[in-house]
Amino acid sequence: MAEPTTDKVYNVLFLCTGNSARSVIAEALINKEGQGRFKGYSAGSMPKGQVNSHALALVTALGFSAEDFRSKSWDEFARPGAPPLDFVITVCDNAAGEVCPVWPGQPMTAHWGVPDPAAVQGSPAEQAAAFAEAAKQLGARIRLFLTLPLSTIDAMSLQNALKEIGATDDQKRSDR
């Protein structure tokens, strides 16, 4: 059954400690795949100040300009005038364990941990492969998220669904 038509745009903030790779990739993916129904943002608790070059290569491959992305503090999204958030999703284990600011909009939260591709040592090809894998995992989770009937699902069911999405790849790895 198709979700009822709504003009609501859902604001989704992806968090990571450095805001240089995973959260930036997730921001780009939801902005592309959300087709105007979702507005993605990214931030970090301790931003590195620049976006990783491999992450920039991925977002430009999605059709975005590298200038559309910057490494920024999560404090920007807790200030007056910040967009009201519907969802805040951590994509690294460090950020998931930190005490977050109070977000405007009382968003629903979830943790979708993905291994840090920026931590991969090796050749440029091995590093690029790690970023491609992170993008693949994030893309799969975002596509599952986009199928949820947000306008009709109750809060508890939605929270459970968000948690299950975050566990999808972890479960597959533990089944091996």
C-alpha atoms as a PDB file:
ATOM      1  CA  MET A   1       0.000   0.000   0.000  1.00  0.00           C
ATOM      2  CA  ALA A   2       1.386   3.400  -0.934  1.00  0.00           C
ATOM      3  CA  GLU A   3       2.010   5.965   1.762  1.00  0.00           C
ATOM      4  CA  PRO A   4      -0.460   8.867   1.768  1.00  0.00           C
ATOM      5  CA  THR A   5       0.828  11.899  -0.097  1.00  0.00           C
ATOM      6  CA  THR A   6       2.246  14.535   2.203  1.00  0.00           C
ATOM      7  CA  ASP A   7       4.194  17.727   1.698  1.00  0.00           C
ATOM      8  CA  LYS A   8       6.209  17.098   4.865  1.00  0.00           C
ATOM      9  CA  VAL A   9       9.940  16.992   4.366  1.00  0.00           C
ATOM     10  CA  TYR A  10      11.675  14.937   7.051  1.00  0.00           C
ATOM     11  CA  ASN A  11      14.953  16.379   8.379  1.00  0.00           C
ATOM     12  CA  VAL A  12      17.569  13.727   9.138  1.00  0.00           C
ATOM     13  CA  LEU A  13      20.873  14.470  10.877  1.00  0.00           C
ATOM     14  CA  PHE A  14      23.655  11.896  10.542  1.00  0.00           C
ATOM     15  CA  LEU A  15      26.297  12.066  13.254  1.00  0.00           C
ATOM     16  CA  CYS A  16      29.831  10.822  13.496  1.00  0.00           C
ATOM     17  CA  THR A  17      32.710  12.002  15.623  1.00  0.00           C
ATOM     18  CA  GLY A  18      34.788  13.643  12.864  1.00  0.00           C
ATOM     19  CA  ASN A  19      32.085  14.437  10.287  1.00  0.00           C
ATOM     20  CA  SER A  20      34.543  13.723   7.501  1.00  0.00           C
ATOM     21  CA  ALA A  21      33.365  10.443   5.952  1.00  0.00           C
ATOM     22  CA  ARG A  22      30.400   8.249   6.965  1.00  0.00           C
ATOM     23  CA  SER A  23      28.028  10.993   8.069  1.00  0.00           C
ATOM     24  CA  VAL A  24      28.804  13.040   4.947  1.00  0.00           C
ATOM     25  CA  ILE A  25      28.181  10.021   2.699  1.00  0.00           C
ATOM     26  CA  ALA A  26      24.877   9.329   4.484  1.00  0.00           C
ATOM     27  CA  GLU A  27      23.830  12.965   4.068  1.00  0.00           C
ATOM     28  CA  ALA A  28      24.446  12.756   0.322  1.00  0.00           C
ATOM     29  CA  LEU A  29      22.712   9.403  -0.041  1.00  0.00           C
ATOM     30  CA  ILE A  30      19.507  10.447   1.703  1.00  0.00           C
ATOM     31  CA  ASN A  31      19.397  13.735  -0.199  1.00  0.00           C
ATOM     32  CA  LYS A  32      19.698  11.814  -3.483  1.00  0.00           C
ATOM     33  CA  GLU A  33      17.495   8.815  -2.708  1.00  0.00           C
ATOM     34  CA  GLY A  34      14.965  10.685  -0.566  1.00  0.00           C
ATOM     35  CA  GLN A  35      13.780  12.505  -3.703  1.00  0.00           C
ATOM     36  CA  GLY A  36      12.778  15.678  -1.875  1.00  0.00           C
ATOM     37  CA  ARG A  37      10.869  13.893   0.918  1.00  0.00           C
ATOM     38  CA  PHE A  38      13.981  13.994   3.103  1.00  0.00           C
ATOM     39  CA  LYS A  39      16.595  16.645   3.793  1.00  0.00           C
ATOM     40  CA  GLY A  40      19.842  15.179   5.056  1.00  0.00           C
ATOM     41  CA  TYR A  41      22.416  16.897   7.205  1.00  0.00           C
ATOM     42  CA  SER A  42      25.638  15.732   8.814  1.00  0.00           C
ATOM     43  CA  ALA A  43      27.737  16.857  11.747  1.00  0.00           C
ATOM     44  CA  GLY A  44      30.292  15.660  14.248  1.00  0.00           C
ATOM     45  CA  SER A  45      30.987  15.928  17.947  1.00  0.00           C
ATOM     46  CA  MET A  46      34.643  16.754  17.186  1.00  0.00           C
ATOM     47  CA  PRO A  47      34.664  17.688  13.488  1.00  0.00           C
ATOM     48  CA  LYS A  48      37.939  17.272  11.641  1.00  0.00           C
ATOM     49  CA  GLY A  49      37.374  20.509   9.746  1.00  0.00           C
ATOM     50  CA  GLN A  50      37.577  18.948   6.295  1.00  0.00           C
ATOM     51  CA  VAL A  51      35.801  16.190   4.421  1.00  0.00           C
ATOM     52  CA  ASN A  52      37.877  13.132   3.506  1.00  0.00           C
ATOM     53  CA  SER A  53      38.878  13.108  -0.178  1.00  0.00           C
ATOM     54  CA  HIS A  54      37.445   9.600  -0.683  1.00  0.00           C
ATOM     55  CA  ALA A  55      34.094  10.769   0.731  1.00  0.00           C
ATOM     56  CA  LEU A  56      34.169  13.781  -1.576  1.00  0.00           C
ATOM     57  CA  ALA A  57      34.789  11.471  -4.545  1.00  0.00           C
ATOM     58  CA  LEU A  58      31.696   9.451  -3.582  1.00  0.00           C
ATOM     59  CA  VAL A  59      29.419  12.459  -3.152  1.00  0.00           C
ATOM     60  CA  THR A  60      30.540  13.991  -6.435  1.00  0.00           C
ATOM     61  CA  ALA A  61      29.870  10.630  -8.129  1.00  0.00           C
ATOM     62  CA  LEU A  62      26.302  10.973  -6.787  1.00  0.00           C
ATOM     63  CA  GLY A  63      25.989  14.260  -8.662  1.00  0.00           C
ATOM     64  CA  PHE A  64      26.702  16.718  -5.860  1.00  0.00           C
ATOM     65  CA  SER A  65      29.293  19.456  -5.816  1.00  0.00           C
ATOM     66  CA  ALA A  66      32.144  18.954  -3.345  1.00  0.00           C
ATOM     67  CA  GLU A  67      31.396  22.487  -2.111  1.00  0.00           C
ATOM     68  CA  ASP A  68      27.997  21.256  -0.861  1.00  0.00           C
ATOM     69  CA  PHE A  69      29.726  19.424   1.999  1.00  0.00           C
ATOM     70  CA  ARG A  70      31.794  20.560   4.940  1.00  0.00           C
ATOM     71  CA  SER A  71      32.892  19.121   8.264  1.00  0.00           C
ATOM     72  CA  LYS A  72      30.905  20.874  11.006  1.00  0.00           C
ATOM     73  CA  SER A  73      30.006  20.644  14.670  1.00  0.00           C
ATOM     74  CA  TRP A  74      26.760  19.164  15.869  1.00  0.00           C
ATOM     75  CA  ASP A  75      26.322  22.372  17.880  1.00  0.00           C
ATOM     76  CA  GLU A  76      25.075  24.036  14.672  1.00  0.00           C
ATOM     77  CA  PHE A  77      21.958  21.862  14.871  1.00  0.00           C
ATOM     78  CA  ALA A  78      21.217  22.600  18.534  1.00  0.00           C
ATOM     79  CA  ARG A  79      21.153  26.393  18.129  1.00  0.00           C
ATOM     80  CA  PRO A  80      18.067  28.583  17.792  1.00  0.00           C
ATOM     81  CA  GLY A  81      17.097  28.755  14.134  1.00  0.00           C
ATOM     82  CA  ALA A  82      18.460  25.301  13.345  1.00  0.00           C
ATOM     83  CA  PRO A  83      16.154  23.096  11.285  1.00  0.00           C
ATOM     84  CA  PRO A  84      13.787  21.059  13.476  1.00  0.00           C
ATOM     85  CA  LEU A  85      15.034  17.500  13.267  1.00  0.00           C
ATOM     86  CA  ASP A  86      12.810  14.487  12.781  1.00  0.00           C
ATOM     87  CA  PHE A  87      15.603  11.897  13.040  1.00  0.00           C
ATOM     88  CA  VAL A  88      19.140  11.849  14.418  1.00  0.00           C
ATOM     89  CA  ILE A  89      21.162   8.811  13.375  1.00  0.00           C
ATOM     90  CA  THR A  90      24.653   8.037  14.614  1.00  0.00           C
ATOM     91  CA  VAL A  91      26.807   6.158  12.122  1.00  0.00           C
ATOM     92  CA  CYS A  92      29.899   5.577  14.262  1.00  0.00           C
ATOM     93  CA  ASP A  93      30.185   3.809  17.577  1.00  0.00           C
ATOM     94  CA  ASN A  94      32.076   6.675  19.247  1.00  0.00           C
ATOM     95  CA  ALA A  95      29.344   9.224  18.530  1.00  0.00           C
ATOM     96  CA  ALA A  96      26.675   6.771  19.682  1.00  0.00           C
ATOM     97  CA  GLY A  97      28.226   6.711  23.150  1.00  0.00           C
ATOM     98  CA  GLU A  98      28.523  10.484  23.537  1.00  0.00           C
ATOM     99  CA  VAL A  99      26.067  12.762  25.283  1.00  0.00           C
ATOM    100  CA  CYS A 100      24.342  14.640  22.487  1.00  0.00           C
ATOM    101  CA  PRO A 101      23.017  18.185  22.610  1.00  0.00           C
ATOM    102  CA  VAL A 102      19.284  18.783  22.961  1.00  0.00           C
ATOM    103  CA  TRP A 103      17.966  18.803  19.411  1.00  0.00           C
ATOM    104  CA  PRO A 104      15.153  21.060  18.245  1.00  0.00           C
ATOM    105  CA  GLY A 105      12.093  19.141  17.164  1.00  0.00           C
ATOM    106  CA  GLN A 106      12.532  16.257  19.647  1.00  0.00           C
ATOM    107  CA  PRO A 107      13.768  13.851  16.963  1.00  0.00           C
ATOM    108  CA  MET A 108      13.667  10.101  17.019  1.00  0.00           C
ATOM    109  CA  THR A 109      17.167   8.634  17.366  1.00  0.00           C
ATOM    110  CA  ALA A 110      18.909   5.501  16.146  1.00  0.00           C
ATOM    111  CA  HIS A 111      22.386   4.031  15.830  1.00  0.00           C
ATOM    112  CA  TRP A 112      23.503   2.582  12.497  1.00  0.00           C
ATOM    113  CA  GLY A 113      27.171   1.855  13.160  1.00  0.00           C
ATOM    114  CA  VAL A 114      29.355   1.394  10.086  1.00  0.00           C
ATOM    115  CA  PRO A 115      33.101   0.631  10.202  1.00  0.00           C
ATOM    116  CA  ASP A 116      35.240   3.727   9.666  1.00  0.00           C
ATOM    117  CA  PRO A 117      36.611   3.670   6.123  1.00  0.00           C
ATOM    118  CA  ALA A 118      38.995   6.525   6.969  1.00  0.00           C
ATOM    119  CA  ALA A 119      40.764   4.221   9.436  1.00  0.00           C
ATOM    120  CA  VAL A 120      41.709   1.734   6.707  1.00  0.00           C
ATOM    121  CA  GLN A 121      45.432   1.605   6.058  1.00  0.00           C
ATOM    122  CA  GLY A 122      46.662   0.422   2.697  1.00  0.00           C
ATOM    123  CA  SER A 123      46.824   1.383  -0.913  1.00  0.00           C
ATOM    124  CA  PRO A 124      44.585   4.074  -2.367  1.00  0.00           C
ATOM    125  CA  ALA A 125      42.568   1.277  -4.000  1.00  0.00           C
ATOM    126  CA  GLU A 126      42.068  -0.470  -0.642  1.00  0.00           C
ATOM    127  CA  GLN A 127      41.024   2.802   0.953  1.00  0.00           C
ATOM    128  CA  ALA A 128      38.594   3.539  -1.888  1.00  0.00           C
ATOM    129  CA  ALA A 129      37.159   0.028  -1.506  1.00  0.00           C
ATOM    130  CA  ALA A 130      36.552   0.669   2.219  1.00  0.00           C
ATOM    131  CA  PHE A 131      34.675   3.873   1.378  1.00  0.00           C
ATOM    132  CA  ALA A 132      32.634   2.057  -1.284  1.00  0.00           C
ATOM    133  CA  GLU A 133      31.706  -0.609   1.284  1.00  0.00           C
ATOM    134  CA  ALA A 134      30.663   2.028   3.841  1.00  0.00           C
ATOM    135  CA  ALA A 135      28.544   3.746   1.178  1.00  0.00           C
ATOM    136  CA  LYS A 136      26.991   0.401   0.244  1.00  0.00           C
ATOM    137  CA  GLN A 137      26.045  -0.332   3.874  1.00  0.00           C
ATOM    138  CA  LEU A 138      24.697   3.166   4.461  1.00  0.00           C
ATOM    139  CA  GLY A 139      22.791   3.081   1.178  1.00  0.00           C
ATOM    140  CA  ALA A 140      21.128  -0.214   2.074  1.00  0.00           C
ATOM    141  CA  ARG A 141      20.039   1.141   5.448  1.00  0.00           C
ATOM    142  CA  ILE A 142      18.798   4.409   3.990  1.00  0.00           C
ATOM    143  CA  ARG A 143      16.775   2.563   1.343  1.00  0.00           C
ATOM    144  CA  LEU A 144      15.132   0.482   4.110  1.00  0.00           C
ATOM    145  CA  PHE A 145      14.423   3.676   6.042  1.00  0.00           C
ATOM    146  CA  LEU A 146      12.850   5.302   2.982  1.00  0.00           C
ATOM    147  CA  THR A 147      10.331   2.453   2.708  1.00  0.00           C
ATOM    148  CA  LEU A 148       8.912   3.026   6.201  1.00  0.00           C
ATOM    149  CA  PRO A 149       5.348   4.422   6.250  1.00  0.00           C
ATOM    150  CA  LEU A 150       6.381   7.447   8.323  1.00  0.00           C
ATOM    151  CA  SER A 151       3.033   9.230   8.227  1.00  0.00           C
ATOM    152  CA  THR A 152       1.071   6.231   9.499  1.00  0.00           C
ATOM    153  CA  ILE A 153       3.411   4.229  11.759  1.00  0.00           C
ATOM    154  CA  ASP A 154       3.217   4.674  15.541  1.00  0.00           C
ATOM    155  CA  ALA A 155       6.262   5.985  17.416  1.00  0.00           C
ATOM    156  CA  MET A 156       7.162   2.712  19.151  1.00  0.00           C
ATOM    157  CA  SER A 157       6.984   0.716  15.917  1.00  0.00           C
ATOM    158  CA  LEU A 158       9.045   3.352  14.140  1.00  0.00           C
ATOM    159  CA  GLN A 159      11.703   3.339  16.876  1.00  0.00           C
ATOM    160  CA  ASN A 160      11.885  -0.461  16.663  1.00  0.00           C
ATOM    161  CA  ALA A 161      12.162  -0.327  12.875  1.00  0.00           C
ATOM    162  CA  LEU A 162      14.990   2.218  13.085  1.00  0.00           C
ATOM    163  CA  LYS A 163      16.843  -0.018  15.548  1.00  0.00           C
ATOM    164  CA  GLU A 164      16.352  -3.055  13.297  1.00  0.00           C
ATOM    165  CA  ILE A 165      17.715  -1.149  10.292  1.00  0.00           C
ATOM    166  CA  GLY A 166      20.850  -0.380  12.289  1.00  0.00           C
ATOM    167  CA  ALA A 167      21.325  -4.056  13.064  1.00  0.00           C
ATOM    168  CA  THR A 168      20.855  -5.352   9.510  1.00  0.00           C
ATOM    169  CA  ASP A 169      24.499  -5.651   8.462  1.00  0.00           C
ATOM    170  CA  ASP A 170      25.649  -6.626  11.968  1.00  0.00           C
ATOM    171  CA  GLN A 171      23.283  -9.586  11.916  1.00  0.00           C
ATOM    172  CA  LYS A 172      24.469 -10.675   8.489  1.00  0.00           C
ATOM    173  CA  ARG A 173      28.100 -10.551   9.689  1.00  0.00           C
ATOM    174  CA  SER A 174      27.311 -12.610  12.812  1.00  0.00           C
ATOM    175  CA  ASP A 175      25.449 -15.218  10.719  1.00  0.00           C
ATOM    176  CA  ARG A 176      28.576 -15.972   8.686  1.00  0.00           C
END
